[in-house]
Amino acid sequence: MGSQVDNDRRHASVVALSDLGRSRDYRDRADAGRGLAAFAEMQEAVEPLLELVLDPDDTFVTLATAEAVLRRKDRIGLAIVASALAVADTNHIDWIHTAIVDVFGIFSSDRDDAVQLVEEIARDIDVRVSQGARQLLEILAELDPVLRPA
């Protein structure tokens, strides 16, 4: 019983955050992106996250959402960003690139782990995801993280 209640609450949270993501206020949309990133493993959160990463009205929303999704440092978050990269315009690509540098530009181990996951994602059967993953790999390969193991 408790598990179903928790699932219902998680679903309600995604619905509420998705609704917030349609706000006219860019701050609400950025908050929605940050919040939805915590639920990225839920299928119903993926499309709203993609829309927020590719926000047509404010690149702050793009940056905030992309960073939050990338900070998961997992396959799901990386796949969402890869999917967005595949269809992003130059301006959005620049802000997604900034998010990638912000998240993976500090520790070489984080960058290396991301490269490994993105190499797997690049073999995805979804053409959009695999195409974006190749772009993401190029960006990660250019990174020279500040901190490396001793």
C-alpha atoms as a PDB file:
ATOM      1  CA  MET A   1       0.000   0.000   0.000  1.00  0.00           C
ATOM      2  CA  GLY A   2       2.734   2.458   0.973  1.00  0.00           C
ATOM      3  CA  SER A   3       4.530   1.917  -2.318  1.00  0.00           C
ATOM      4  CA  GLN A   4       1.433   2.815  -4.326  1.00  0.00           C
ATOM      5  CA  VAL A   5       0.916   5.941  -2.218  1.00  0.00           C
ATOM      6  CA  ASP A   6       4.545   6.919  -2.852  1.00  0.00           C
ATOM      7  CA  ASN A   7       4.144   6.291  -6.590  1.00  0.00           C
ATOM      8  CA  ASP A   8       0.997   8.413  -6.605  1.00  0.00           C
ATOM      9  CA  ARG A   9       2.848  11.223  -4.831  1.00  0.00           C
ATOM     10  CA  ARG A  10       5.759  11.008  -7.252  1.00  0.00           C
ATOM     11  CA  HIS A  11       3.356  11.116 -10.196  1.00  0.00           C
ATOM     12  CA  ALA A  12       1.512  14.101  -8.660  1.00  0.00           C
ATOM     13  CA  SER A  13       4.855  15.871  -8.201  1.00  0.00           C
ATOM     14  CA  VAL A  14       5.769  15.351 -11.854  1.00  0.00           C
ATOM     15  CA  VAL A  15       2.348  16.617 -12.945  1.00  0.00           C
ATOM     16  CA  ALA A  16       2.663  19.724 -10.738  1.00  0.00           C
ATOM     17  CA  LEU A  17       6.227  20.453 -11.886  1.00  0.00           C
ATOM     18  CA  SER A  18       5.267  19.908 -15.538  1.00  0.00           C
ATOM     19  CA  ASP A  19       2.468  22.426 -15.056  1.00  0.00           C
ATOM     20  CA  LEU A  20       4.921  24.884 -13.468  1.00  0.00           C
ATOM     21  CA  GLY A  21       7.160  24.321 -16.494  1.00  0.00           C
ATOM     22  CA  ARG A  22       4.481  25.899 -18.681  1.00  0.00           C
ATOM     23  CA  SER A  23       4.491  29.139 -16.660  1.00  0.00           C
ATOM     24  CA  ARG A  24       5.112  32.446 -18.431  1.00  0.00           C
ATOM     25  CA  ASP A  25       7.749  33.301 -15.805  1.00  0.00           C
ATOM     26  CA  TYR A  26      11.206  31.991 -16.716  1.00  0.00           C
ATOM     27  CA  ARG A  27      12.040  31.550 -13.016  1.00  0.00           C
ATOM     28  CA  ASP A  28       9.118  29.168 -12.588  1.00  0.00           C
ATOM     29  CA  ARG A  29      10.212  27.210 -15.659  1.00  0.00           C
ATOM     30  CA  ALA A  30      13.805  27.010 -14.380  1.00  0.00           C
ATOM     31  CA  ASP A  31      12.557  25.806 -10.976  1.00  0.00           C
ATOM     32  CA  ALA A  32      10.369  23.241 -12.726  1.00  0.00           C
ATOM     33  CA  GLY A  33      13.380  21.969 -14.680  1.00  0.00           C
ATOM     34  CA  ARG A  34      15.457  21.653 -11.528  1.00  0.00           C
ATOM     35  CA  GLY A  35      12.632  19.856  -9.741  1.00  0.00           C
ATOM     36  CA  LEU A  36      11.779  17.533 -12.632  1.00  0.00           C
ATOM     37  CA  ALA A  37      15.432  16.471 -12.882  1.00  0.00           C
ATOM     38  CA  ALA A  38      14.918  14.547  -9.639  1.00  0.00           C
ATOM     39  CA  PHE A  39      12.176  12.531 -11.367  1.00  0.00           C
ATOM     40  CA  ALA A  40      13.925  12.012 -14.720  1.00  0.00           C
ATOM     41  CA  GLU A  41      13.687   8.231 -14.400  1.00  0.00           C
ATOM     42  CA  MET A  42       9.895   8.554 -14.660  1.00  0.00           C
ATOM     43  CA  GLN A  43       8.768   8.382 -18.267  1.00  0.00           C
ATOM     44  CA  GLU A  44       6.249  11.215 -17.804  1.00  0.00           C
ATOM     45  CA  ALA A  45       9.064  13.590 -16.761  1.00  0.00           C
ATOM     46  CA  VAL A  46      11.204  13.090 -19.884  1.00  0.00           C
ATOM     47  CA  GLU A  47       9.204  15.148 -22.382  1.00  0.00           C
ATOM     48  CA  PRO A  48       8.730  18.153 -20.054  1.00  0.00           C
ATOM     49  CA  LEU A  49      12.476  18.048 -19.298  1.00  0.00           C
ATOM     50  CA  LEU A  50      13.319  18.042 -23.002  1.00  0.00           C
ATOM     51  CA  GLU A  51      10.991  20.993 -23.554  1.00  0.00           C
ATOM     52  CA  LEU A  52      12.647  22.919 -20.722  1.00  0.00           C
ATOM     53  CA  VAL A  53      16.181  22.159 -21.926  1.00  0.00           C
ATOM     54  CA  LEU A  54      15.058  23.564 -25.281  1.00  0.00           C
ATOM     55  CA  ASP A  55      13.029  26.438 -23.757  1.00  0.00           C
ATOM     56  CA  PRO A  56      12.159  28.756 -26.651  1.00  0.00           C
ATOM     57  CA  ASP A  57      11.907  31.914 -24.554  1.00  0.00           C
ATOM     58  CA  ASP A  58      14.830  31.988 -22.121  1.00  0.00           C
ATOM     59  CA  THR A  59      18.198  30.266 -22.193  1.00  0.00           C
ATOM     60  CA  PHE A  60      18.467  30.575 -18.402  1.00  0.00           C
ATOM     61  CA  VAL A  61      15.829  27.827 -18.304  1.00  0.00           C
ATOM     62  CA  THR A  62      17.978  25.800 -20.711  1.00  0.00           C
ATOM     63  CA  LEU A  63      21.072  26.221 -18.538  1.00  0.00           C
ATOM     64  CA  ALA A  64      19.325  25.526 -15.210  1.00  0.00           C
ATOM     65  CA  THR A  65      17.507  22.443 -16.499  1.00  0.00           C
ATOM     66  CA  ALA A  66      20.486  20.998 -18.372  1.00  0.00           C
ATOM     67  CA  GLU A  67      22.715  21.439 -15.308  1.00  0.00           C
ATOM     68  CA  ALA A  68      20.170  19.792 -13.009  1.00  0.00           C
ATOM     69  CA  VAL A  69      19.701  16.828 -15.332  1.00  0.00           C
ATOM     70  CA  LEU A  70      23.456  16.425 -15.860  1.00  0.00           C
ATOM     71  CA  ARG A  71      24.128  16.600 -12.102  1.00  0.00           C
ATOM     72  CA  ARG A  72      22.320  13.266 -11.830  1.00  0.00           C
ATOM     73  CA  LYS A  73      25.478  11.897 -13.489  1.00  0.00           C
ATOM     74  CA  ASP A  74      23.536   8.924 -14.769  1.00  0.00           C
ATOM     75  CA  ARG A  75      22.492   7.407 -18.072  1.00  0.00           C
ATOM     76  CA  ILE A  76      19.001   8.927 -17.912  1.00  0.00           C
ATOM     77  CA  GLY A  77      20.201  12.485 -17.442  1.00  0.00           C
ATOM     78  CA  LEU A  78      22.877  12.155 -20.110  1.00  0.00           C
ATOM     79  CA  ALA A  79      20.376  10.639 -22.562  1.00  0.00           C
ATOM     80  CA  ILE A  80      17.960  13.542 -22.042  1.00  0.00           C
ATOM     81  CA  VAL A  81      20.700  16.065 -22.762  1.00  0.00           C
ATOM     82  CA  ALA A  82      21.879  14.045 -25.760  1.00  0.00           C
ATOM     83  CA  SER A  83      18.349  13.969 -27.144  1.00  0.00           C
ATOM     84  CA  ALA A  84      18.069  17.747 -26.719  1.00  0.00           C
ATOM     85  CA  LEU A  85      21.466  18.355 -28.329  1.00  0.00           C
ATOM     86  CA  ALA A  86      20.409  16.457 -31.448  1.00  0.00           C
ATOM     87  CA  VAL A  87      17.702  19.012 -32.251  1.00  0.00           C
ATOM     88  CA  ALA A  88      18.991  22.145 -30.512  1.00  0.00           C
ATOM     89  CA  ASP A  89      19.752  25.351 -32.369  1.00  0.00           C
ATOM     90  CA  THR A  90      23.163  27.017 -32.046  1.00  0.00           C
ATOM     91  CA  ASN A  91      22.105  29.240 -29.146  1.00  0.00           C
ATOM     92  CA  HIS A  92      20.729  26.328 -27.116  1.00  0.00           C
ATOM     93  CA  ILE A  93      23.807  24.238 -27.930  1.00  0.00           C
ATOM     94  CA  ASP A  94      25.986  26.996 -26.459  1.00  0.00           C
ATOM     95  CA  TRP A  95      24.049  26.974 -23.174  1.00  0.00           C
ATOM     96  CA  ILE A  96      23.930  23.178 -23.011  1.00  0.00           C
ATOM     97  CA  HIS A  97      27.696  23.228 -23.620  1.00  0.00           C
ATOM     98  CA  THR A  98      28.071  25.640 -20.690  1.00  0.00           C
ATOM     99  CA  ALA A  99      26.068  23.267 -18.466  1.00  0.00           C
ATOM    100  CA  ILE A 100      28.285  20.342 -19.513  1.00  0.00           C
ATOM    101  CA  VAL A 101      31.426  22.324 -18.646  1.00  0.00           C
ATOM    102  CA  ASP A 102      29.927  23.414 -15.306  1.00  0.00           C
ATOM    103  CA  VAL A 103      29.055  19.840 -14.319  1.00  0.00           C
ATOM    104  CA  PHE A 104      31.934  17.825 -15.803  1.00  0.00           C
ATOM    105  CA  GLY A 105      34.751  20.362 -15.958  1.00  0.00           C
ATOM    106  CA  ILE A 106      35.980  19.978 -12.383  1.00  0.00           C
ATOM    107  CA  PHE A 107      36.737  16.308 -11.652  1.00  0.00           C
ATOM    108  CA  SER A 108      38.311  14.147 -14.340  1.00  0.00           C
ATOM    109  CA  SER A 109      36.682  11.076 -12.793  1.00  0.00           C
ATOM    110  CA  ASP A 110      33.210  12.595 -13.310  1.00  0.00           C
ATOM    111  CA  ARG A 111      34.042  13.444 -16.914  1.00  0.00           C
ATOM    112  CA  ASP A 112      35.493   9.956 -17.535  1.00  0.00           C
ATOM    113  CA  ASP A 113      32.425   8.260 -16.043  1.00  0.00           C
ATOM    114  CA  ALA A 114      30.187  10.430 -18.227  1.00  0.00           C
ATOM    115  CA  VAL A 115      32.195   9.525 -21.344  1.00  0.00           C
ATOM    116  CA  GLN A 116      31.734   5.842 -20.583  1.00  0.00           C
ATOM    117  CA  LEU A 117      27.958   6.233 -20.176  1.00  0.00           C
ATOM    118  CA  VAL A 118      27.627   8.408 -23.276  1.00  0.00           C
ATOM    119  CA  GLU A 119      29.560   5.863 -25.345  1.00  0.00           C
ATOM    120  CA  GLU A 120      26.865   3.347 -24.374  1.00  0.00           C
ATOM    121  CA  ILE A 121      24.104   5.855 -25.167  1.00  0.00           C
ATOM    122  CA  ALA A 122      25.664   6.481 -28.600  1.00  0.00           C
ATOM    123  CA  ARG A 123      24.747   2.893 -29.483  1.00  0.00           C
ATOM    124  CA  ASP A 124      21.067   3.552 -28.668  1.00  0.00           C
ATOM    125  CA  ILE A 125      18.643   2.522 -31.384  1.00  0.00           C
ATOM    126  CA  ASP A 126      16.877   5.888 -31.150  1.00  0.00           C
ATOM    127  CA  VAL A 127      18.583   7.907 -33.880  1.00  0.00           C
ATOM    128  CA  ARG A 128      18.006  11.236 -32.126  1.00  0.00           C
ATOM    129  CA  VAL A 129      19.572   9.996 -28.889  1.00  0.00           C
ATOM    130  CA  SER A 130      22.559   8.369 -30.600  1.00  0.00           C
ATOM    131  CA  GLN A 131      23.188  11.452 -32.769  1.00  0.00           C
ATOM    132  CA  GLY A 132      23.062  13.738 -29.733  1.00  0.00           C
ATOM    133  CA  ALA A 133      25.282  11.348 -27.785  1.00  0.00           C
ATOM    134  CA  ARG A 134      27.973  11.696 -30.448  1.00  0.00           C
ATOM    135  CA  GLN A 135      27.763  15.487 -30.059  1.00  0.00           C
ATOM    136  CA  LEU A 136      27.931  15.115 -26.290  1.00  0.00           C
ATOM    137  CA  LEU A 137      31.006  12.898 -26.603  1.00  0.00           C
ATOM    138  CA  GLU A 138      32.745  15.581 -28.665  1.00  0.00           C
ATOM    139  CA  ILE A 139      32.056  18.198 -25.993  1.00  0.00           C
ATOM    140  CA  LEU A 140      33.211  15.900 -23.177  1.00  0.00           C
ATOM    141  CA  ALA A 141      36.370  15.016 -25.116  1.00  0.00           C
ATOM    142  CA  GLU A 142      37.275  18.712 -25.352  1.00  0.00           C
ATOM    143  CA  LEU A 143      37.036  19.166 -21.596  1.00  0.00           C
ATOM    144  CA  ASP A 144      40.209  19.413 -19.580  1.00  0.00           C
ATOM    145  CA  PRO A 145      38.974  18.964 -15.991  1.00  0.00           C
ATOM    146  CA  VAL A 146      40.679  21.003 -13.309  1.00  0.00           C
ATOM    147  CA  LEU A 147      41.188  18.185 -10.799  1.00  0.00           C
ATOM    148  CA  ARG A 148      42.783  14.833 -11.574  1.00  0.00           C
ATOM    149  CA  PRO A 149      43.719  11.921  -9.311  1.00  0.00           C
ATOM    150  CA  ALA A 150      47.137  12.300  -7.691  1.00  0.00           C
END
